[in-house]
């Protein structure tokens, strides 16, 4: 007896959506070019990720504490 599948058992063939690295709008994962900002999507051309603000603030505070501790 062949197995019967419900319609919910099948995976959707739709591509996953990811944010564009340039404009942050949702695009299909496998698209070579963003349809909104028209930039080509590739690992080599992606803009560098920004450092979290709390790391920058932490480094500045640590440097200030060392400065005050040394007494310059």
C-alpha atoms as a PDB file:
ATOM      1  CA  UNK A   1       0.000   0.000   0.000  1.00  0.00           C
ATOM      2  CA  UNK A   2       1.615   3.325  -1.024  1.00  0.00           C
ATOM      3  CA  UNK A   3       2.034   5.972   1.614  1.00  0.00           C
ATOM      4  CA  UNK A   4      -0.337   8.910   1.418  1.00  0.00           C
ATOM      5  CA  UNK A   5       1.083  12.374   2.011  1.00  0.00           C
ATOM      6  CA  UNK A   6      -0.834  15.302   3.327  1.00  0.00           C
ATOM      7  CA  UNK A   7      -0.352  18.621   1.601  1.00  0.00           C
ATOM      8  CA  UNK A   8       1.459  19.947   4.703  1.00  0.00           C
ATOM      9  CA  UNK A   9       4.170  17.254   4.391  1.00  0.00           C
ATOM     10  CA  UNK A  10       5.768  18.910   1.374  1.00  0.00           C
ATOM     11  CA  UNK A  11       8.398  21.571   1.825  1.00  0.00           C
ATOM     12  CA  UNK A  12       7.759  24.866   0.150  1.00  0.00           C
ATOM     13  CA  UNK A  13       9.907  25.424  -2.911  1.00  0.00           C
ATOM     14  CA  UNK A  14      10.113  29.126  -2.166  1.00  0.00           C
ATOM     15  CA  UNK A  15      13.580  30.529  -1.605  1.00  0.00           C
ATOM     16  CA  UNK A  16      14.423  31.916   1.799  1.00  0.00           C
ATOM     17  CA  UNK A  17      14.532  35.668   2.154  1.00  0.00           C
ATOM     18  CA  UNK A  18      17.597  37.448   3.511  1.00  0.00           C
ATOM     19  CA  UNK A  19      18.386  41.147   3.978  1.00  0.00           C
ATOM     20  CA  UNK A  20      20.389  42.875   1.258  1.00  0.00           C
ATOM     21  CA  UNK A  21      23.834  43.762   2.683  1.00  0.00           C
ATOM     22  CA  UNK A  22      23.580  47.235   1.127  1.00  0.00           C
ATOM     23  CA  UNK A  23      19.997  48.471   1.572  1.00  0.00           C
ATOM     24  CA  UNK A  24      18.763  45.939   4.197  1.00  0.00           C
ATOM     25  CA  UNK A  25      15.545  45.184   2.280  1.00  0.00           C
ATOM     26  CA  UNK A  26      14.340  41.588   2.061  1.00  0.00           C
ATOM     27  CA  UNK A  27      15.477  39.773  -1.096  1.00  0.00           C
ATOM     28  CA  UNK A  28      15.554  36.149  -2.187  1.00  0.00           C
ATOM     29  CA  UNK A  29      18.613  34.287  -0.956  1.00  0.00           C
ATOM     30  CA  UNK A  30      19.817  33.108  -4.361  1.00  0.00           C
ATOM     31  CA  UNK A  31      19.411  36.353  -6.313  1.00  0.00           C
ATOM     32  CA  UNK A  32      22.635  37.702  -7.860  1.00  0.00           C
ATOM     33  CA  UNK A  33      21.495  41.348  -7.746  1.00  0.00           C
ATOM     34  CA  UNK A  34      19.271  43.325  -5.389  1.00  0.00           C
ATOM     35  CA  UNK A  35      16.147  44.483  -7.262  1.00  0.00           C
ATOM     36  CA  UNK A  36      15.850  47.565  -5.010  1.00  0.00           C
ATOM     37  CA  UNK A  37      19.343  49.096  -4.836  1.00  0.00           C
ATOM     38  CA  UNK A  38      20.667  47.201  -7.897  1.00  0.00           C
ATOM     39  CA  UNK A  39      23.948  46.196  -6.210  1.00  0.00           C
ATOM     40  CA  UNK A  40      25.382  42.800  -7.039  1.00  0.00           C
ATOM     41  CA  UNK A  41      25.401  40.428  -4.095  1.00  0.00           C
ATOM     42  CA  UNK A  42      28.718  38.696  -3.476  1.00  0.00           C
ATOM     43  CA  UNK A  43      30.914  37.914  -0.476  1.00  0.00           C
ATOM     44  CA  UNK A  44      33.794  39.941  -1.915  1.00  0.00           C
ATOM     45  CA  UNK A  45      31.783  43.137  -2.308  1.00  0.00           C
ATOM     46  CA  UNK A  46      29.780  43.141   0.899  1.00  0.00           C
ATOM     47  CA  UNK A  47      30.230  46.230   3.031  1.00  0.00           C
ATOM     48  CA  UNK A  48      32.181  45.604   6.244  1.00  0.00           C
ATOM     49  CA  UNK A  49      30.092  44.893   9.291  1.00  0.00           C
ATOM     50  CA  UNK A  50      29.972  47.681  11.858  1.00  0.00           C
ATOM     51  CA  UNK A  51      31.383  47.010  15.284  1.00  0.00           C
ATOM     52  CA  UNK A  52      28.788  47.045  18.036  1.00  0.00           C
ATOM     53  CA  UNK A  53      28.686  50.417  19.792  1.00  0.00           C
ATOM     54  CA  UNK A  54      29.144  48.870  23.244  1.00  0.00           C
ATOM     55  CA  UNK A  55      32.556  47.460  22.263  1.00  0.00           C
ATOM     56  CA  UNK A  56      33.743  50.895  21.153  1.00  0.00           C
ATOM     57  CA  UNK A  57      32.393  52.504  24.337  1.00  0.00           C
ATOM     58  CA  UNK A  58      33.987  49.764  26.470  1.00  0.00           C
ATOM     59  CA  UNK A  59      37.398  50.280  24.881  1.00  0.00           C
ATOM     60  CA  UNK A  60      37.181  54.054  25.360  1.00  0.00           C
ATOM     61  CA  UNK A  61      36.185  53.627  29.021  1.00  0.00           C
ATOM     62  CA  UNK A  62      38.995  51.114  29.607  1.00  0.00           C
ATOM     63  CA  UNK A  63      41.546  53.483  28.081  1.00  0.00           C
ATOM     64  CA  UNK A  64      40.208  56.336  30.225  1.00  0.00           C
ATOM     65  CA  UNK A  65      40.436  54.175  33.375  1.00  0.00           C
ATOM     66  CA  UNK A  66      44.053  53.274  32.562  1.00  0.00           C
ATOM     67  CA  UNK A  67      44.811  56.948  31.924  1.00  0.00           C
ATOM     68  CA  UNK A  68      43.334  57.937  35.314  1.00  0.00           C
ATOM     69  CA  UNK A  69      45.050  55.032  37.108  1.00  0.00           C
ATOM     70  CA  UNK A  70      48.481  55.963  35.749  1.00  0.00           C
ATOM     71  CA  UNK A  71      47.805  59.600  36.657  1.00  0.00           C
ATOM     72  CA  UNK A  72      48.963  61.342  33.519  1.00  0.00           C
END
